[in-house]
Amino acid sequence: MVYDTLKLVVEGPVAWLTLDRPGALNAMNGALVGELRDFFSGLPERRDVRVVVLRGAGRAFCAGLDLKEGGGEEAGSGVPAGLRLQRRISELALLMRRAPQPIVACVHGAASGGGFALALASDVRLAGESARMNAAFIRIGLSACDVGVSYFLPRLVGASVASELLLTGRFIDAERALQTGLVSKVVPDTELEAEARRLVDEMLGASPLGLRLTKECLAMSLDAGSLEQVIAMEDRNQILCAQTQDLREGIRAFLEKRPPRYSDG
C-alpha cells in the first residue's frame, strides 16, 4: 500500500510506520486519520507482520489534531456529522488495541492530543529525551478525555497523576514519564531506532502464536473482573500454544542452544 501521509517500510516481520507530515509536526488531518485507519484495520489479516513500530518524521511524534484542517471536511457540520468525524478518530485506539501485533511507539518531541492518544494506545512506549506529552484537548475548550486517553492513562500512571495531566493539560517530559511508568525507557533521540530494534528482536524470539496471544491476554487482563477470569484465559492460551509445531521447535532450540526457527504452525 502506498500512502500520502504515512511512510510504511516492511522489513521481514516488522512494519515500520512513520507519520509523515513533518512540516505540520505530523498533525492529524483527514488524510492521515484515514490512512491510519486503513493500516490498523488491515493488521489482523497481515500474518507476515508480527510487530509494528510507530514513529514520527521530523521534529515531533505527532502534534495532535490539525486545527487548520479540522481533521476532515465534516467538521463543524452539525452534531451527526461531528460525531461521525469523532468516531473516525477515536476508533483508532480500538483498532490498535485489537491488532494482534504488538505496537511499539517511539516518541520524540511533541506527542499532544491525538498524538498522545496514539502513544498510549501502543503496547510499549520508548521515549527520546526530547519527548513531551500532554492531553492538549482541554486547552482548547474540549474535555481532556478523548481517543481512549482517559482509559489508558490511569491504568499506566495511576489516578492521581492521570487526573493532574488531564485536568490541566500539563506536559509530562521524558524523565517524569519514565518515573511514572508511562514509558519503558528513555534514550537520546538518535538512539530511538536502535533501541526499538533491540526490543523488537527480543519480541521476535517468541513464537508467532505465543506473541499474539500474549498481547490479547494482557489487554483482556486489564479489564478482567477476577483472578479466575485471567487464569482461565491464560490456561486457554497455553493449551492452544501447546498444540503447535512451534512449541516443539522452541523446546528443541532451547535444548540445542540455538535460536528457534518458528513456522507459525
C-alpha atoms as a PDB file:
ATOM      1  CA  MET A   1       0.000   0.000   0.000  1.00  0.00           C
ATOM      2  CA  VAL A   2       1.262   3.459  -0.938  1.00  0.00           C
ATOM      3  CA  TYR A   3       0.249   6.252   1.434  1.00  0.00           C
ATOM      4  CA  ASP A   4       0.497  10.033   1.173  1.00  0.00           C
ATOM      5  CA  THR A   5       0.789  10.900   4.879  1.00  0.00           C
ATOM      6  CA  LEU A   6       2.408   7.704   6.139  1.00  0.00           C
ATOM      7  CA  LYS A   7       5.677   6.045   5.277  1.00  0.00           C
ATOM      8  CA  LEU A   8       5.465   2.272   5.562  1.00  0.00           C
ATOM      9  CA  VAL A   9       8.571   0.092   5.382  1.00  0.00           C
ATOM     10  CA  VAL A  10       8.212  -3.637   5.999  1.00  0.00           C
ATOM     11  CA  GLU A  11      11.439  -5.368   6.979  1.00  0.00           C
ATOM     12  CA  GLY A  12      10.735  -9.066   7.244  1.00  0.00           C
ATOM     13  CA  PRO A  13       8.190  -9.488  10.068  1.00  0.00           C
ATOM     14  CA  VAL A  14       8.454  -5.859  11.253  1.00  0.00           C
ATOM     15  CA  ALA A  15       6.394  -2.943   9.899  1.00  0.00           C
ATOM     16  CA  TRP A  16       7.995   0.472  10.462  1.00  0.00           C
ATOM     17  CA  LEU A  17       5.151   3.001  10.237  1.00  0.00           C
ATOM     18  CA  THR A  18       6.164   6.664  10.191  1.00  0.00           C
ATOM     19  CA  LEU A  19       3.721   9.561  10.456  1.00  0.00           C
ATOM     20  CA  ASP A  20       4.932  11.634   7.531  1.00  0.00           C
ATOM     21  CA  ARG A  21       3.706  15.232   7.741  1.00  0.00           C
ATOM     22  CA  PRO A  22       6.869  16.731   9.227  1.00  0.00           C
ATOM     23  CA  GLY A  23       6.049  20.275   8.102  1.00  0.00           C
ATOM     24  CA  ALA A  24       2.935  20.139  10.304  1.00  0.00           C
ATOM     25  CA  LEU A  25       4.641  18.224  13.145  1.00  0.00           C
ATOM     26  CA  ASN A  26       2.687  15.193  11.897  1.00  0.00           C
ATOM     27  CA  ALA A  27      -0.615  16.737  12.987  1.00  0.00           C
ATOM     28  CA  MET A  28      -3.642  14.573  12.196  1.00  0.00           C
ATOM     29  CA  ASN A  29      -5.639  15.830   9.217  1.00  0.00           C
ATOM     30  CA  GLY A  30      -8.376  13.898   7.441  1.00  0.00           C
ATOM     31  CA  ALA A  31      -5.932  12.126   5.149  1.00  0.00           C
ATOM     32  CA  LEU A  32      -3.669  10.962   7.976  1.00  0.00           C
ATOM     33  CA  VAL A  33      -6.610   9.722  10.039  1.00  0.00           C
ATOM     34  CA  GLY A  34      -7.956   7.805   7.041  1.00  0.00           C
ATOM     35  CA  GLU A  35      -4.620   6.214   6.247  1.00  0.00           C
ATOM     36  CA  LEU A  36      -4.027   5.225   9.878  1.00  0.00           C
ATOM     37  CA  ARG A  37      -7.458   3.599   9.916  1.00  0.00           C
ATOM     38  CA  ASP A  38      -6.630   1.730   6.716  1.00  0.00           C
ATOM     39  CA  PHE A  39      -3.326   0.450   8.064  1.00  0.00           C
ATOM     40  CA  PHE A  40      -4.503  -0.592  11.530  1.00  0.00           C
ATOM     41  CA  SER A  41      -7.752  -2.161  10.291  1.00  0.00           C
ATOM     42  CA  GLY A  42      -5.739  -4.386   7.951  1.00  0.00           C
ATOM     43  CA  LEU A  43      -3.356  -5.711  10.602  1.00  0.00           C
ATOM     44  CA  PRO A  44      -5.459  -8.722  11.687  1.00  0.00           C
ATOM     45  CA  GLU A  45      -5.023 -10.121   8.151  1.00  0.00           C
ATOM     46  CA  ARG A  46      -1.283  -9.390   7.996  1.00  0.00           C
ATOM     47  CA  ARG A  47       0.208 -12.692   9.124  1.00  0.00           C
ATOM     48  CA  ASP A  48       3.508 -11.618   7.588  1.00  0.00           C
ATOM     49  CA  VAL A  49       3.758  -8.697  10.060  1.00  0.00           C
ATOM     50  CA  ARG A  50       4.484  -9.707  13.643  1.00  0.00           C
ATOM     51  CA  VAL A  51       5.457  -6.368  15.229  1.00  0.00           C
ATOM     52  CA  VAL A  52       4.711  -2.726  14.350  1.00  0.00           C
ATOM     53  CA  VAL A  53       6.958   0.235  15.219  1.00  0.00           C
ATOM     54  CA  LEU A  54       5.171   3.615  15.142  1.00  0.00           C
ATOM     55  CA  ARG A  55       7.122   6.870  14.952  1.00  0.00           C
ATOM     56  CA  GLY A  56       7.022  10.398  13.578  1.00  0.00           C
ATOM     57  CA  ALA A  57       9.085  12.128  10.898  1.00  0.00           C
ATOM     58  CA  GLY A  58      10.934  15.345  11.608  1.00  0.00           C
ATOM     59  CA  ARG A  59      10.882  17.170  14.939  1.00  0.00           C
ATOM     60  CA  ALA A  60       7.874  15.536  16.605  1.00  0.00           C
ATOM     61  CA  PHE A  61       5.925  12.336  17.069  1.00  0.00           C
ATOM     62  CA  CYS A  62       2.503  13.923  16.480  1.00  0.00           C
ATOM     63  CA  ALA A  63       1.200  17.355  17.489  1.00  0.00           C
ATOM     64  CA  GLY A  64      -2.423  16.190  17.641  1.00  0.00           C
ATOM     65  CA  LEU A  65      -5.367  17.244  15.511  1.00  0.00           C
ATOM     66  CA  ASP A  66      -4.538  19.612  12.683  1.00  0.00           C
ATOM     67  CA  LEU A  67      -6.689  22.568  13.744  1.00  0.00           C
ATOM     68  CA  LYS A  68      -6.098  24.305  10.415  1.00  0.00           C
ATOM     69  CA  GLU A  69      -7.928  21.488   8.658  1.00  0.00           C
ATOM     70  CA  GLY A  70     -10.164  20.354  11.492  1.00  0.00           C
ATOM     71  CA  GLY A  71      -9.420  16.685  10.877  1.00  0.00           C
ATOM     72  CA  GLY A  72     -11.748  16.375   7.889  1.00  0.00           C
ATOM     73  CA  GLU A  73     -14.386  18.033   5.722  1.00  0.00           C
ATOM     74  CA  GLU A  74     -17.253  17.092   8.064  1.00  0.00           C
ATOM     75  CA  ALA A  75     -16.012  19.175  10.986  1.00  0.00           C
ATOM     76  CA  GLY A  76     -18.451  21.853  12.080  1.00  0.00           C
ATOM     77  CA  SER A  77     -21.374  20.427  10.060  1.00  0.00           C
ATOM     78  CA  GLY A  78     -23.664  19.690  12.994  1.00  0.00           C
ATOM     79  CA  VAL A  79     -23.899  17.020  15.665  1.00  0.00           C
ATOM     80  CA  PRO A  80     -24.407  13.920  13.448  1.00  0.00           C
ATOM     81  CA  ALA A  81     -21.507  14.822  11.146  1.00  0.00           C
ATOM     82  CA  GLY A  82     -19.362  15.853  14.097  1.00  0.00           C
ATOM     83  CA  LEU A  83     -19.958  12.520  15.807  1.00  0.00           C
ATOM     84  CA  ARG A  84     -19.042  10.638  12.632  1.00  0.00           C
ATOM     85  CA  LEU A  85     -15.768  12.558  12.463  1.00  0.00           C
ATOM     86  CA  GLN A  86     -15.132  11.996  16.177  1.00  0.00           C
ATOM     87  CA  ARG A  87     -15.618   8.260  15.752  1.00  0.00           C
ATOM     88  CA  ARG A  88     -13.264   8.159  12.750  1.00  0.00           C
ATOM     89  CA  ILE A  89     -10.531   9.413  15.052  1.00  0.00           C
ATOM     90  CA  SER A  90     -11.457   7.706  18.328  1.00  0.00           C
ATOM     91  CA  GLU A  91     -11.753   4.274  16.717  1.00  0.00           C
ATOM     92  CA  LEU A  92      -8.015   4.376  16.042  1.00  0.00           C
ATOM     93  CA  ALA A  93      -7.487   3.419  19.691  1.00  0.00           C
ATOM     94  CA  LEU A  94      -9.797   0.422  19.263  1.00  0.00           C
ATOM     95  CA  LEU A  95      -8.094  -0.681  16.050  1.00  0.00           C
ATOM     96  CA  MET A  96      -4.673  -0.505  17.693  1.00  0.00           C
ATOM     97  CA  ARG A  97      -5.879  -2.444  20.724  1.00  0.00           C
ATOM     98  CA  ARG A  98      -7.486  -5.129  18.556  1.00  0.00           C
ATOM     99  CA  ALA A  99      -4.453  -5.549  16.295  1.00  0.00           C
ATOM    100  CA  PRO A 100      -2.806  -8.895  17.075  1.00  0.00           C
ATOM    101  CA  GLN A 101       0.676  -7.420  16.613  1.00  0.00           C
ATOM    102  CA  PRO A 102       2.451  -5.617  19.472  1.00  0.00           C
ATOM    103  CA  ILE A 103       2.828  -1.923  18.637  1.00  0.00           C
ATOM    104  CA  VAL A 104       5.940  -0.087  19.814  1.00  0.00           C
ATOM    105  CA  ALA A 105       5.751   3.723  19.842  1.00  0.00           C
ATOM    106  CA  CYS A 106       9.000   5.662  19.500  1.00  0.00           C
ATOM    107  CA  VAL A 107       8.119   9.077  20.880  1.00  0.00           C
ATOM    108  CA  HIS A 108      10.253  12.158  20.346  1.00  0.00           C
ATOM    109  CA  GLY A 109       9.343  15.823  20.505  1.00  0.00           C
ATOM    110  CA  ALA A 110       5.669  16.655  20.937  1.00  0.00           C
ATOM    111  CA  ALA A 111       3.057  13.945  21.407  1.00  0.00           C
ATOM    112  CA  SER A 112      -0.013  16.046  22.072  1.00  0.00           C
ATOM    113  CA  GLY A 113      -3.738  15.400  21.935  1.00  0.00           C
ATOM    114  CA  GLY A 114      -4.303  12.729  19.312  1.00  0.00           C
ATOM    115  CA  GLY A 115      -0.570  12.066  19.215  1.00  0.00           C
ATOM    116  CA  PHE A 116      -0.644  11.378  22.953  1.00  0.00           C
ATOM    117  CA  ALA A 117      -3.547   9.009  22.307  1.00  0.00           C
ATOM    118  CA  LEU A 118      -1.590   7.088  19.643  1.00  0.00           C
ATOM    119  CA  ALA A 119       1.307   6.667  22.053  1.00  0.00           C
ATOM    120  CA  LEU A 120      -0.961   5.489  24.875  1.00  0.00           C
ATOM    121  CA  ALA A 121      -2.786   3.000  22.645  1.00  0.00           C
ATOM    122  CA  SER A 122       0.541   1.398  21.718  1.00  0.00           C
ATOM    123  CA  ASP A 123       1.704  -1.582  23.738  1.00  0.00           C
ATOM    124  CA  VAL A 124       5.191  -0.264  24.564  1.00  0.00           C
ATOM    125  CA  ARG A 125       6.392   3.339  24.597  1.00  0.00           C
ATOM    126  CA  LEU A 126      10.047   4.250  24.141  1.00  0.00           C
ATOM    127  CA  ALA A 127      10.882   7.928  24.584  1.00  0.00           C
ATOM    128  CA  GLY A 128      13.600  10.117  23.197  1.00  0.00           C
ATOM    129  CA  GLU A 129      14.997  12.705  25.573  1.00  0.00           C
ATOM    130  CA  SER A 130      13.062  15.427  23.736  1.00  0.00           C
ATOM    131  CA  ALA A 131       9.661  13.785  24.268  1.00  0.00           C
ATOM    132  CA  ARG A 132       6.902  15.965  25.738  1.00  0.00           C
ATOM    133  CA  MET A 133       3.383  14.579  26.012  1.00  0.00           C
ATOM    134  CA  ASN A 134       0.059  16.105  27.016  1.00  0.00           C
ATOM    135  CA  ALA A 135      -3.707  15.851  26.693  1.00  0.00           C
ATOM    136  CA  ALA A 136      -3.996  19.053  24.718  1.00  0.00           C
ATOM    137  CA  PHE A 137      -7.757  18.793  24.158  1.00  0.00           C
ATOM    138  CA  ILE A 138      -8.613  20.547  27.430  1.00  0.00           C
ATOM    139  CA  ARG A 139      -6.547  23.581  26.450  1.00  0.00           C
ATOM    140  CA  ILE A 140      -8.820  24.437  23.520  1.00  0.00           C
ATOM    141  CA  GLY A 141     -12.212  24.148  25.206  1.00  0.00           C
ATOM    142  CA  LEU A 142     -12.763  20.387  24.951  1.00  0.00           C
ATOM    143  CA  SER A 143     -12.669  17.626  27.522  1.00  0.00           C
ATOM    144  CA  ALA A 144      -9.266  16.047  28.090  1.00  0.00           C
ATOM    145  CA  CYS A 145     -10.914  12.628  27.875  1.00  0.00           C
ATOM    146  CA  ASP A 146     -10.628  11.719  24.197  1.00  0.00           C
ATOM    147  CA  VAL A 147      -9.461   8.924  21.864  1.00  0.00           C
ATOM    148  CA  GLY A 148      -9.086   6.459  24.746  1.00  0.00           C
ATOM    149  CA  VAL A 149      -6.744   8.665  26.785  1.00  0.00           C
ATOM    150  CA  SER A 150      -8.899   8.516  29.932  1.00  0.00           C
ATOM    151  CA  TYR A 151      -8.882   4.710  29.674  1.00  0.00           C
ATOM    152  CA  PHE A 152      -5.192   4.089  29.091  1.00  0.00           C
ATOM    153  CA  LEU A 153      -3.561   6.863  31.135  1.00  0.00           C
ATOM    154  CA  PRO A 154      -4.805   5.970  34.663  1.00  0.00           C
ATOM    155  CA  ARG A 155      -4.015   2.318  34.026  1.00  0.00           C
ATOM    156  CA  LEU A 156      -0.436   3.296  33.234  1.00  0.00           C
ATOM    157  CA  VAL A 157       0.325   6.010  35.791  1.00  0.00           C
ATOM    158  CA  GLY A 158      -2.449   5.777  38.397  1.00  0.00           C
ATOM    159  CA  ALA A 159      -5.429   8.008  39.114  1.00  0.00           C
ATOM    160  CA  SER A 160      -3.605  10.920  40.763  1.00  0.00           C
ATOM    161  CA  VAL A 161      -1.045  11.572  38.021  1.00  0.00           C
ATOM    162  CA  ALA A 162      -3.677  10.948  35.348  1.00  0.00           C
ATOM    163  CA  SER A 163      -6.012  13.464  36.993  1.00  0.00           C
ATOM    164  CA  GLU A 164      -3.234  16.040  37.170  1.00  0.00           C
ATOM    165  CA  LEU A 165      -2.372  15.647  33.491  1.00  0.00           C
ATOM    166  CA  LEU A 166      -5.956  15.517  32.235  1.00  0.00           C
ATOM    167  CA  LEU A 167      -7.389  18.335  34.347  1.00  0.00           C
ATOM    168  CA  THR A 168      -4.593  20.741  33.438  1.00  0.00           C
ATOM    169  CA  GLY A 169      -3.324  19.689  30.009  1.00  0.00           C
ATOM    170  CA  ARG A 170       0.123  19.937  31.571  1.00  0.00           C
ATOM    171  CA  PHE A 171       3.055  18.469  29.644  1.00  0.00           C
ATOM    172  CA  ILE A 172       4.946  15.489  31.031  1.00  0.00           C
ATOM    173  CA  ASP A 173       8.566  15.255  29.903  1.00  0.00           C
ATOM    174  CA  ALA A 174      10.553  12.128  29.187  1.00  0.00           C
ATOM    175  CA  GLU A 175      12.206  11.905  32.598  1.00  0.00           C
ATOM    176  CA  ARG A 176       8.950  12.105  34.538  1.00  0.00           C
ATOM    177  CA  ALA A 177       7.242   9.808  32.038  1.00  0.00           C
ATOM    178  CA  LEU A 178       9.836   7.173  32.909  1.00  0.00           C
ATOM    179  CA  GLN A 179       9.423   7.762  36.647  1.00  0.00           C
ATOM    180  CA  THR A 180       5.644   7.296  36.447  1.00  0.00           C
ATOM    181  CA  GLY A 181       5.758   4.220  34.216  1.00  0.00           C
ATOM    182  CA  LEU A 182       4.284   5.999  31.215  1.00  0.00           C
ATOM    183  CA  VAL A 183       7.262   4.922  29.089  1.00  0.00           C
ATOM    184  CA  SER A 184       9.533   1.906  29.362  1.00  0.00           C
ATOM    185  CA  LYS A 185      12.838   3.587  28.581  1.00  0.00           C
ATOM    186  CA  VAL A 186      14.334   6.973  27.712  1.00  0.00           C
ATOM    187  CA  VAL A 187      17.257   7.225  25.285  1.00  0.00           C
ATOM    188  CA  PRO A 188      18.798  10.029  23.232  1.00  0.00           C
ATOM    189  CA  ASP A 189      16.630  10.795  20.218  1.00  0.00           C
ATOM    190  CA  THR A 190      19.323   9.493  17.880  1.00  0.00           C
ATOM    191  CA  GLU A 191      19.204   6.089  19.594  1.00  0.00           C
ATOM    192  CA  LEU A 192      15.428   5.536  19.447  1.00  0.00           C
ATOM    193  CA  GLU A 193      15.514   3.349  16.348  1.00  0.00           C
ATOM    194  CA  ALA A 194      18.367   1.205  17.659  1.00  0.00           C
ATOM    195  CA  GLU A 195      16.565   0.723  20.974  1.00  0.00           C
ATOM    196  CA  ALA A 196      13.365  -0.216  19.145  1.00  0.00           C
ATOM    197  CA  ARG A 197      15.261  -2.766  17.064  1.00  0.00           C
ATOM    198  CA  ARG A 198      16.682  -4.378  20.206  1.00  0.00           C
ATOM    199  CA  LEU A 199      13.224  -4.601  21.750  1.00  0.00           C
ATOM    200  CA  VAL A 200      11.637  -5.955  18.578  1.00  0.00           C
ATOM    201  CA  ASP A 201      14.358  -8.583  18.165  1.00  0.00           C
ATOM    202  CA  GLU A 202      13.530  -9.898  21.635  1.00  0.00           C
ATOM    203  CA  MET A 203       9.804  -9.974  20.837  1.00  0.00           C
ATOM    204  CA  LEU A 204      10.539 -11.950  17.688  1.00  0.00           C
ATOM    205  CA  GLY A 205      12.197 -14.580  19.858  1.00  0.00           C
ATOM    206  CA  ALA A 206       8.669 -15.650  20.823  1.00  0.00           C
ATOM    207  CA  SER A 207       6.581 -17.901  18.615  1.00  0.00           C
ATOM    208  CA  PRO A 208       4.116 -16.037  16.370  1.00  0.00           C
ATOM    209  CA  LEU A 209       1.089 -17.506  18.152  1.00  0.00           C
ATOM    210  CA  GLY A 210       2.613 -17.003  21.591  1.00  0.00           C
ATOM    211  CA  LEU A 211       3.268 -13.332  20.838  1.00  0.00           C
ATOM    212  CA  ARG A 212      -0.263 -12.710  19.535  1.00  0.00           C
ATOM    213  CA  LEU A 213      -1.954 -14.474  22.423  1.00  0.00           C
ATOM    214  CA  THR A 214       0.221 -12.676  24.979  1.00  0.00           C
ATOM    215  CA  LYS A 215      -0.879  -9.272  23.660  1.00  0.00           C
ATOM    216  CA  GLU A 216      -4.504 -10.413  23.653  1.00  0.00           C
ATOM    217  CA  CYS A 217      -4.350 -11.789  27.206  1.00  0.00           C
ATOM    218  CA  LEU A 218      -2.613  -8.682  28.572  1.00  0.00           C
ATOM    219  CA  ALA A 219      -5.305  -6.456  27.088  1.00  0.00           C
ATOM    220  CA  MET A 220      -8.123  -8.613  28.458  1.00  0.00           C
ATOM    221  CA  SER A 221      -6.498  -8.872  31.881  1.00  0.00           C
ATOM    222  CA  LEU A 222      -6.601  -5.108  32.338  1.00  0.00           C
ATOM    223  CA  ASP A 223     -10.394  -5.278  32.372  1.00  0.00           C
ATOM    224  CA  ALA A 224     -10.960  -8.718  33.862  1.00  0.00           C
ATOM    225  CA  GLY A 225     -13.285  -8.876  36.820  1.00  0.00           C
ATOM    226  CA  SER A 226     -11.365 -11.502  38.762  1.00  0.00           C
ATOM    227  CA  LEU A 227      -8.175 -13.530  39.015  1.00  0.00           C
ATOM    228  CA  GLU A 228     -10.195 -16.574  37.991  1.00  0.00           C
ATOM    229  CA  GLN A 229     -11.078 -14.962  34.659  1.00  0.00           C
ATOM    230  CA  VAL A 230      -7.446 -14.127  33.959  1.00  0.00           C
ATOM    231  CA  ILE A 231      -6.219 -17.613  34.818  1.00  0.00           C
ATOM    232  CA  ALA A 232      -8.912 -19.156  32.607  1.00  0.00           C
ATOM    233  CA  MET A 233      -7.627 -17.130  29.640  1.00  0.00           C
ATOM    234  CA  GLU A 234      -4.016 -17.960  30.483  1.00  0.00           C
ATOM    235  CA  ASP A 235      -4.890 -21.672  30.623  1.00  0.00           C
ATOM    236  CA  ARG A 236      -6.650 -21.437  27.260  1.00  0.00           C
ATOM    237  CA  ASN A 237      -3.636 -19.716  25.695  1.00  0.00           C
ATOM    238  CA  GLN A 238      -1.159 -22.274  26.987  1.00  0.00           C
ATOM    239  CA  ILE A 239      -3.203 -25.214  25.715  1.00  0.00           C
ATOM    240  CA  LEU A 240      -3.550 -23.571  22.299  1.00  0.00           C
ATOM    241  CA  CYS A 241       0.203 -22.960  22.075  1.00  0.00           C
ATOM    242  CA  ALA A 242       0.959 -26.461  23.320  1.00  0.00           C
ATOM    243  CA  GLN A 243      -0.699 -27.969  20.215  1.00  0.00           C
ATOM    244  CA  THR A 244       1.652 -26.212  17.775  1.00  0.00           C
ATOM    245  CA  GLN A 245       4.768 -27.350  15.981  1.00  0.00           C
ATOM    246  CA  ASP A 246       6.367 -24.135  17.202  1.00  0.00           C
ATOM    247  CA  LEU A 247       6.320 -25.354  20.802  1.00  0.00           C
ATOM    248  CA  ARG A 248       8.275 -28.453  19.814  1.00  0.00           C
ATOM    249  CA  GLU A 249      10.683 -26.308  17.801  1.00  0.00           C
ATOM    250  CA  GLY A 250      11.091 -23.934  20.752  1.00  0.00           C
ATOM    251  CA  ILE A 251      11.958 -26.812  23.082  1.00  0.00           C
ATOM    252  CA  ARG A 252      14.415 -28.310  20.576  1.00  0.00           C
ATOM    253  CA  ALA A 253      16.083 -24.932  20.067  1.00  0.00           C
ATOM    254  CA  PHE A 254      16.394 -24.423  23.816  1.00  0.00           C
ATOM    255  CA  LEU A 255      17.975 -27.837  24.331  1.00  0.00           C
ATOM    256  CA  GLU A 256      20.276 -27.383  21.338  1.00  0.00           C
ATOM    257  CA  LYS A 257      21.205 -23.850  22.466  1.00  0.00           C
ATOM    258  CA  ARG A 258      20.282 -22.187  19.159  1.00  0.00           C
ATOM    259  CA  PRO A 259      17.730 -19.599  18.033  1.00  0.00           C
ATOM    260  CA  PRO A 260      14.322 -21.149  17.251  1.00  0.00           C
ATOM    261  CA  ARG A 261      13.068 -21.291  13.663  1.00  0.00           C
ATOM    262  CA  TYR A 262       9.329 -20.781  14.062  1.00  0.00           C
ATOM    263  CA  SER A 263       6.894 -21.565  11.235  1.00  0.00           C
ATOM    264  CA  ASP A 264       3.645 -20.293  12.815  1.00  0.00           C
ATOM    265  CA  GLY A 265       2.309 -23.793  12.586  1.00  0.00           C
END
